[in-house]
All heavy atoms as atom14 arrays in JSON, in Angstrom:
{
  "sequence": "HQIDADHAERTTDFAAHTCNCGWCWHAALDYDP",
  "atom14_mask": [
    [1, 1, 1, 1, 1, 1, 1, 1, 1, 1, 0, 0, 0, 0],
    [1, 1, 1, 1, 1, 1, 1, 1, 1, 0, 0, 0, 0, 0],
    [1, 1, 1, 1, 1, 1, 1, 1, 0, 0, 0, 0, 0, 0],
    [1, 1, 1, 1, 1, 1, 1, 1, 0, 0, 0, 0, 0, 0],
    [1, 1, 1, 1, 1, 0, 0, 0, 0, 0, 0, 0, 0, 0],
    [1, 1, 1, 1, 1, 1, 1, 1, 0, 0, 0, 0, 0, 0],
    [1, 1, 1, 1, 1, 1, 1, 1, 1, 1, 0, 0, 0, 0],
    [1, 1, 1, 1, 1, 0, 0, 0, 0, 0, 0, 0, 0, 0],
    [1, 1, 1, 1, 1, 1, 1, 1, 1, 0, 0, 0, 0, 0],
    [1, 1, 1, 1, 1, 1, 1, 1, 1, 1, 1, 0, 0, 0],
    [1, 1, 1, 1, 1, 1, 1, 0, 0, 0, 0, 0, 0, 0],
    [1, 1, 1, 1, 1, 1, 1, 0, 0, 0, 0, 0, 0, 0],
    [1, 1, 1, 1, 1, 1, 1, 1, 0, 0, 0, 0, 0, 0],
    [1, 1, 1, 1, 1, 1, 1, 1, 1, 1, 1, 0, 0, 0],
    [1, 1, 1, 1, 1, 0, 0, 0, 0, 0, 0, 0, 0, 0],
    [1, 1, 1, 1, 1, 0, 0, 0, 0, 0, 0, 0, 0, 0],
    [1, 1, 1, 1, 1, 1, 1, 1, 1, 1, 0, 0, 0, 0],
    [1, 1, 1, 1, 1, 1, 1, 0, 0, 0, 0, 0, 0, 0],
    [1, 1, 1, 1, 1, 1, 0, 0, 0, 0, 0, 0, 0, 0],
    [1, 1, 1, 1, 1, 1, 1, 1, 0, 0, 0, 0, 0, 0],
    [1, 1, 1, 1, 1, 1, 0, 0, 0, 0, 0, 0, 0, 0],
    [1, 1, 1, 1, 0, 0, 0, 0, 0, 0, 0, 0, 0, 0],
    [1, 1, 1, 1, 1, 1, 1, 1, 1, 1, 1, 1, 1, 1],
    [1, 1, 1, 1, 1, 1, 0, 0, 0, 0, 0, 0, 0, 0],
    [1, 1, 1, 1, 1, 1, 1, 1, 1, 1, 1, 1, 1, 1],
    [1, 1, 1, 1, 1, 1, 1, 1, 1, 1, 0, 0, 0, 0],
    [1, 1, 1, 1, 1, 0, 0, 0, 0, 0, 0, 0, 0, 0],
    [1, 1, 1, 1, 1, 0, 0, 0, 0, 0, 0, 0, 0, 0],
    [1, 1, 1, 1, 1, 1, 1, 1, 0, 0, 0, 0, 0, 0],
    [1, 1, 1, 1, 1, 1, 1, 1, 0, 0, 0, 0, 0, 0],
    [1, 1, 1, 1, 1, 1, 1, 1, 1, 1, 1, 1, 0, 0],
    [1, 1, 1, 1, 1, 1, 1, 1, 0, 0, 0, 0, 0, 0],
    [1, 1, 1, 1, 1, 1, 1, 0, 0, 0, 0, 0, 0, 0]
  ],
  "atom14_positions": [
    [[-71.34, 9.35, -90.46], [-70.05, 9.71, -90.29], [-69.82, 11.28, -90.27], [-69.0, 11.73, -89.44], [-68.97, 9.05, -91.37], [-69.11, 7.63, -91.34], [-68.55, 7.02, -90.3], [-69.5, 6.77, -92.12], [-68.66, 5.63, -90.5], [-69.23, 5.55, -91.7], [0.0, 0.0, 0.0], [0.0, 0.0, 0.0], [0.0, 0.0, 0.0], [0.0, 0.0, 0.0]],
    [[-70.58, 11.92, -91.03], [-70.49, 13.46, -90.96], [-71.0, 13.97, -89.65], [-70.45, 14.9, -89.26], [-71.5, 14.03, -92.12], [-71.26, 15.5, -92.3], [-69.85, 15.97, -92.59], [-69.12, 15.42, -93.34], [-69.41, 17.06, -91.8], [0.0, 0.0, 0.0], [0.0, 0.0, 0.0], [0.0, 0.0, 0.0], [0.0, 0.0, 0.0], [0.0, 0.0, 0.0]],
    [[-72.05, 13.42, -89.0], [-72.54, 13.81, -87.76], [-71.45, 13.72, -86.78], [-71.11, 14.62, -86.03], [-73.75, 12.9, -87.31], [-74.94, 13.13, -88.22], [-74.06, 13.28, -85.88], [-76.06, 12.2, -87.98], [0.0, 0.0, 0.0], [0.0, 0.0, 0.0], [0.0, 0.0, 0.0], [0.0, 0.0, 0.0], [0.0, 0.0, 0.0], [0.0, 0.0, 0.0]],
    [[-70.69, 12.57, -86.73], [-69.58, 12.32, -85.94], [-68.34, 13.31, -86.02], [-67.86, 13.87, -85.12], [-69.08, 10.98, -85.99], [-69.96, 9.91, -85.37], [-70.82, 10.3, -84.43], [-69.93, 8.7, -85.68], [0.0, 0.0, 0.0], [0.0, 0.0, 0.0], [0.0, 0.0, 0.0], [0.0, 0.0, 0.0], [0.0, 0.0, 0.0], [0.0, 0.0, 0.0]],
    [[-68.07, 13.55, -87.45], [-67.3, 14.54, -87.87], [-67.44, 16.02, -87.29], [-66.57, 16.67, -86.91], [-66.8, 14.39, -89.33], [0.0, 0.0, 0.0], [0.0, 0.0, 0.0], [0.0, 0.0, 0.0], [0.0, 0.0, 0.0], [0.0, 0.0, 0.0], [0.0, 0.0, 0.0], [0.0, 0.0, 0.0], [0.0, 0.0, 0.0], [0.0, 0.0, 0.0]],
    [[-68.71, 16.36, -87.52], [-69.17, 17.71, -87.15], [-69.05, 17.92, -85.61], [-68.52, 18.9, -85.15], [-70.63, 17.96, -87.55], [-70.81, 18.16, -88.94], [-69.76, 18.3, -89.72], [-71.88, 18.11, -89.49], [0.0, 0.0, 0.0], [0.0, 0.0, 0.0], [0.0, 0.0, 0.0], [0.0, 0.0, 0.0], [0.0, 0.0, 0.0], [0.0, 0.0, 0.0]],
    [[-69.45, 16.93, -84.8], [-69.18, 16.86, -83.33], [-67.7, 17.0, -82.95], [-67.34, 17.77, -82.1], [-69.84, 15.69, -82.71], [-69.93, 15.79, -81.2], [-70.61, 16.64, -80.49], [-69.09, 15.14, -80.3], [-70.24, 16.56, -79.11], [-69.3, 15.54, -78.98], [0.0, 0.0, 0.0], [0.0, 0.0, 0.0], [0.0, 0.0, 0.0], [0.0, 0.0, 0.0]],
    [[-66.93, 16.2, -83.57], [-65.4, 16.19, -83.34], [-64.83, 17.61, -83.61], [-64.05, 18.09, -82.9], [-64.79, 15.08, -84.07], [0.0, 0.0, 0.0], [0.0, 0.0, 0.0], [0.0, 0.0, 0.0], [0.0, 0.0, 0.0], [0.0, 0.0, 0.0], [0.0, 0.0, 0.0], [0.0, 0.0, 0.0], [0.0, 0.0, 0.0], [0.0, 0.0, 0.0]],
    [[-65.29, 18.16, -84.69], [-64.87, 19.51, -85.07], [-65.24, 20.53, -83.99], [-64.44, 21.37, -83.61], [-65.29, 19.93, -86.44], [-64.81, 21.28, -86.96], [-65.22, 21.7, -88.33], [-65.79, 20.84, -89.0], [-65.05, 22.73, -88.64], [0.0, 0.0, 0.0], [0.0, 0.0, 0.0], [0.0, 0.0, 0.0], [0.0, 0.0, 0.0], [0.0, 0.0, 0.0]],
    [[-66.46, 20.55, -83.61], [-66.94, 21.49, -82.65], [-66.17, 21.24, -81.29], [-65.89, 22.2, -80.57], [-68.49, 21.23, -82.35], [-69.29, 21.88, -83.54], [-70.76, 21.66, -83.16], [-71.54, 22.02, -84.32], [-72.8, 22.58, -84.24], [-73.35, 22.66, -83.01], [-73.44, 23.03, -85.44], [0.0, 0.0, 0.0], [0.0, 0.0, 0.0], [0.0, 0.0, 0.0]],
    [[-66.02, 19.91, -80.96], [-65.19, 19.7, -79.74], [-63.84, 20.28, -79.79], [-63.24, 20.84, -78.84], [-65.17, 18.19, -79.45], [-66.52, 17.57, -79.41], [-64.39, 17.79, -78.18], [0.0, 0.0, 0.0], [0.0, 0.0, 0.0], [0.0, 0.0, 0.0], [0.0, 0.0, 0.0], [0.0, 0.0, 0.0], [0.0, 0.0, 0.0], [0.0, 0.0, 0.0]],
    [[-63.17, 20.02, -81.0], [-61.74, 20.52, -81.14], [-61.79, 22.08, -81.08], [-60.91, 22.67, -80.39], [-61.21, 20.14, -82.45], [-61.15, 18.7, -82.55], [-59.77, 20.69, -82.83], [0.0, 0.0, 0.0], [0.0, 0.0, 0.0], [0.0, 0.0, 0.0], [0.0, 0.0, 0.0], [0.0, 0.0, 0.0], [0.0, 0.0, 0.0], [0.0, 0.0, 0.0]],
    [[-62.71, 22.68, -81.72], [-62.88, 24.21, -81.66], [-63.08, 24.68, -80.24], [-62.37, 25.58, -79.67], [-64.0, 24.61, -82.46], [-63.7, 24.6, -84.02], [-62.57, 24.32, -84.36], [-64.62, 24.66, -84.75], [0.0, 0.0, 0.0], [0.0, 0.0, 0.0], [0.0, 0.0, 0.0], [0.0, 0.0, 0.0], [0.0, 0.0, 0.0], [0.0, 0.0, 0.0]],
    [[-63.96, 23.96, -79.51], [-64.11, 24.39, -78.11], [-62.87, 24.19, -77.12], [-62.56, 24.99, -76.38], [-65.38, 23.6, -77.4], [-65.64, 23.91, -76.03], [-66.42, 25.12, -75.82], [-65.13, 23.13, -75.0], [-66.6, 25.45, -74.34], [-65.45, 23.58, -73.66], [-66.1, 24.72, -73.35], [0.0, 0.0, 0.0], [0.0, 0.0, 0.0], [0.0, 0.0, 0.0]],
    [[-62.26, 23.04, -77.37], [-61.03, 22.73, -76.62], [-59.88, 23.72, -76.85], [-59.11, 23.96, -75.96], [-60.58, 21.36, -76.91], [0.0, 0.0, 0.0], [0.0, 0.0, 0.0], [0.0, 0.0, 0.0], [0.0, 0.0, 0.0], [0.0, 0.0, 0.0], [0.0, 0.0, 0.0], [0.0, 0.0, 0.0], [0.0, 0.0, 0.0], [0.0, 0.0, 0.0]],
    [[-59.92, 24.28, -78.05], [-58.85, 25.22, -78.46], [-59.03, 26.72, -77.93], [-58.3, 27.55, -77.96], [-58.62, 25.27, -79.93], [0.0, 0.0, 0.0], [0.0, 0.0, 0.0], [0.0, 0.0, 0.0], [0.0, 0.0, 0.0], [0.0, 0.0, 0.0], [0.0, 0.0, 0.0], [0.0, 0.0, 0.0], [0.0, 0.0, 0.0], [0.0, 0.0, 0.0]],
    [[-60.35, 26.91, -77.47], [-60.71, 28.37, -77.17], [-60.19, 28.71, -75.75], [-59.94, 27.77, -74.89], [-62.1, 28.58, -77.26], [-63.0, 28.46, -76.0], [-63.26, 27.19, -75.51], [-63.42, 29.47, -75.07], [-63.96, 27.5, -74.27], [-63.97, 28.75, -74.13], [0.0, 0.0, 0.0], [0.0, 0.0, 0.0], [0.0, 0.0, 0.0], [0.0, 0.0, 0.0]],
    [[-60.02, 30.08, -75.59], [-59.66, 30.52, -74.2], [-60.65, 31.71, -73.93], [-61.2, 32.21, -74.89], [-58.21, 30.97, -74.08], [-58.16, 31.91, -75.15], [-57.14, 29.9, -74.3], [0.0, 0.0, 0.0], [0.0, 0.0, 0.0], [0.0, 0.0, 0.0], [0.0, 0.0, 0.0], [0.0, 0.0, 0.0], [0.0, 0.0, 0.0], [0.0, 0.0, 0.0]],
    [[-60.93, 31.86, -72.66], [-61.84, 32.99, -72.29], [-61.57, 33.34, -70.85], [-60.73, 32.7, -70.25], [-63.25, 32.52, -72.49], [-63.8, 31.27, -71.32], [0.0, 0.0, 0.0], [0.0, 0.0, 0.0], [0.0, 0.0, 0.0], [0.0, 0.0, 0.0], [0.0, 0.0, 0.0], [0.0, 0.0, 0.0], [0.0, 0.0, 0.0], [0.0, 0.0, 0.0]],
    [[-62.13, 34.34, -70.43], [-61.99, 34.78, -68.96], [-63.32, 34.7, -68.41], [-63.52, 35.39, -67.26], [-61.47, 36.18, -68.97], [-62.33, 37.28, -69.59], [-63.48, 36.87, -70.11], [-62.04, 38.39, -69.62], [0.0, 0.0, 0.0], [0.0, 0.0, 0.0], [0.0, 0.0, 0.0], [0.0, 0.0, 0.0], [0.0, 0.0, 0.0], [0.0, 0.0, 0.0]],
    [[-64.22, 33.71, -68.77], [-65.53, 33.52, -68.23], [-65.42, 32.6, -66.93], [-64.75, 31.61, -67.02], [-66.41, 32.87, -69.29], [-67.94, 32.31, -68.67], [0.0, 0.0, 0.0], [0.0, 0.0, 0.0], [0.0, 0.0, 0.0], [0.0, 0.0, 0.0], [0.0, 0.0, 0.0], [0.0, 0.0, 0.0], [0.0, 0.0, 0.0], [0.0, 0.0, 0.0]],
    [[-65.93, 33.06, -65.86], [-65.95, 32.25, -64.75], [-66.73, 30.83, -64.74], [-66.71, 30.07, -63.92], [0.0, 0.0, 0.0], [0.0, 0.0, 0.0], [0.0, 0.0, 0.0], [0.0, 0.0, 0.0], [0.0, 0.0, 0.0], [0.0, 0.0, 0.0], [0.0, 0.0, 0.0], [0.0, 0.0, 0.0], [0.0, 0.0, 0.0], [0.0, 0.0, 0.0]],
    [[-67.45, 30.68, -65.9], [-68.28, 29.55, -66.01], [-67.59, 28.46, -66.88], [-68.13, 27.35, -67.07], [-69.66, 29.82, -66.77], [-70.5, 30.44, -65.96], [-70.73, 32.02, -65.85], [-71.37, 29.94, -64.82], [-71.57, 32.35, -64.82], [-71.97, 31.21, -64.15], [-71.54, 28.78, -64.36], [-73.04, 30.93, -63.16], [-72.52, 28.62, -63.3], [-73.08, 29.69, -62.74]],
    [[-66.29, 28.65, -67.27], [-65.76, 27.88, -68.12], [-64.26, 27.45, -67.5], [-63.55, 28.39, -67.29], [-65.57, 28.59, -69.5], [-64.62, 27.54, -70.69], [0.0, 0.0, 0.0], [0.0, 0.0, 0.0], [0.0, 0.0, 0.0], [0.0, 0.0, 0.0], [0.0, 0.0, 0.0], [0.0, 0.0, 0.0], [0.0, 0.0, 0.0], [0.0, 0.0, 0.0]],
    [[-64.01, 26.23, -67.64], [-62.64, 25.78, -67.02], [-61.56, 26.34, -68.05], [-60.31, 26.24, -67.69], [-62.49, 24.27, -66.83], [-62.88, 23.5, -67.97], [-62.03, 23.13, -69.01], [-63.99, 22.85, -68.29], [-62.74, 22.23, -69.91], [-64.02, 22.17, -69.53], [-65.46, 22.91, -67.72], [-65.02, 21.57, -70.07], [-66.36, 22.27, -68.33], [-66.26, 21.57, -69.45]],
    [[-61.87, 26.78, -69.2], [-60.8, 27.36, -70.05], [-60.35, 28.64, -69.72], [-59.34, 29.21, -70.09], [-61.33, 27.29, -71.53], [-61.54, 25.97, -72.17], [-60.78, 25.59, -73.25], [-62.41, 25.09, -72.0], [-61.03, 24.39, -73.42], [-62.09, 24.11, -72.85], [0.0, 0.0, 0.0], [0.0, 0.0, 0.0], [0.0, 0.0, 0.0], [0.0, 0.0, 0.0]],
    [[-61.02, 29.19, -68.58], [-60.68, 30.48, -68.23], [-59.38, 30.43, -67.24], [-58.77, 31.55, -67.07], [-61.75, 31.13, -67.3], [0.0, 0.0, 0.0], [0.0, 0.0, 0.0], [0.0, 0.0, 0.0], [0.0, 0.0, 0.0], [0.0, 0.0, 0.0], [0.0, 0.0, 0.0], [0.0, 0.0, 0.0], [0.0, 0.0, 0.0], [0.0, 0.0, 0.0]],
    [[-59.05, 29.36, -66.77], [-57.81, 29.22, -66.02], [-56.52, 29.49, -66.84], [-56.41, 29.07, -67.99], [-57.63, 27.73, -65.49], [0.0, 0.0, 0.0], [0.0, 0.0, 0.0], [0.0, 0.0, 0.0], [0.0, 0.0, 0.0], [0.0, 0.0, 0.0], [0.0, 0.0, 0.0], [0.0, 0.0, 0.0], [0.0, 0.0, 0.0], [0.0, 0.0, 0.0]],
    [[-55.75, 30.44, -66.44], [-54.55, 30.9, -67.21], [-53.6, 29.66, -67.51], [-52.95, 29.67, -68.61], [-53.78, 31.94, -66.45], [-54.62, 33.16, -66.17], [-53.78, 34.16, -65.31], [-54.92, 33.96, -67.44], [0.0, 0.0, 0.0], [0.0, 0.0, 0.0], [0.0, 0.0, 0.0], [0.0, 0.0, 0.0], [0.0, 0.0, 0.0], [0.0, 0.0, 0.0]],
    [[-53.5, 28.68, -66.69], [-52.74, 27.57, -66.93], [-53.36, 26.38, -67.51], [-53.08, 25.2, -67.43], [-51.97, 27.2, -65.57], [-52.9, 26.84, -64.5], [-54.21, 27.0, -64.66], [-52.37, 26.27, -63.5], [0.0, 0.0, 0.0], [0.0, 0.0, 0.0], [0.0, 0.0, 0.0], [0.0, 0.0, 0.0], [0.0, 0.0, 0.0], [0.0, 0.0, 0.0]],
    [[-54.56, 26.72, -68.15], [-55.48, 25.53, -68.82], [-54.64, 24.63, -69.75], [-53.89, 25.27, -70.56], [-56.71, 26.08, -69.45], [-57.41, 25.05, -70.08], [-58.16, 24.07, -69.33], [-57.46, 24.93, -71.44], [-58.81, 23.09, -69.89], [-58.14, 23.79, -72.1], [-58.8, 22.87, -71.36], [-59.46, 21.91, -71.97], [0.0, 0.0, 0.0], [0.0, 0.0, 0.0]],
    [[-54.51, 23.4, -69.53], [-53.95, 22.42, -70.42], [-55.07, 21.45, -70.74], [-55.58, 20.68, -69.9], [-52.77, 21.76, -69.58], [-52.17, 20.59, -70.49], [-52.64, 20.37, -71.72], [-51.29, 20.0, -69.95], [0.0, 0.0, 0.0], [0.0, 0.0, 0.0], [0.0, 0.0, 0.0], [0.0, 0.0, 0.0], [0.0, 0.0, 0.0], [0.0, 0.0, 0.0]],
    [[-55.54, 21.36, -72.02], [-56.46, 20.51, -72.42], [-56.23, 18.96, -72.1], [-57.23, 18.16, -72.04], [-56.74, 20.72, -73.87], [-55.51, 21.51, -74.39], [-54.83, 22.09, -73.14], [0.0, 0.0, 0.0], [0.0, 0.0, 0.0], [0.0, 0.0, 0.0], [0.0, 0.0, 0.0], [0.0, 0.0, 0.0], [0.0, 0.0, 0.0], [0.0, 0.0, 0.0]]
  ]
}
């Protein structure tokens, strides 16, 4: 269960990030997860 929880936490952290990197869809100014 801890393995799943750790992955879920990393996924949540990644989904919440923003950047201006052309390799990441989070770079879109209007990004909506």
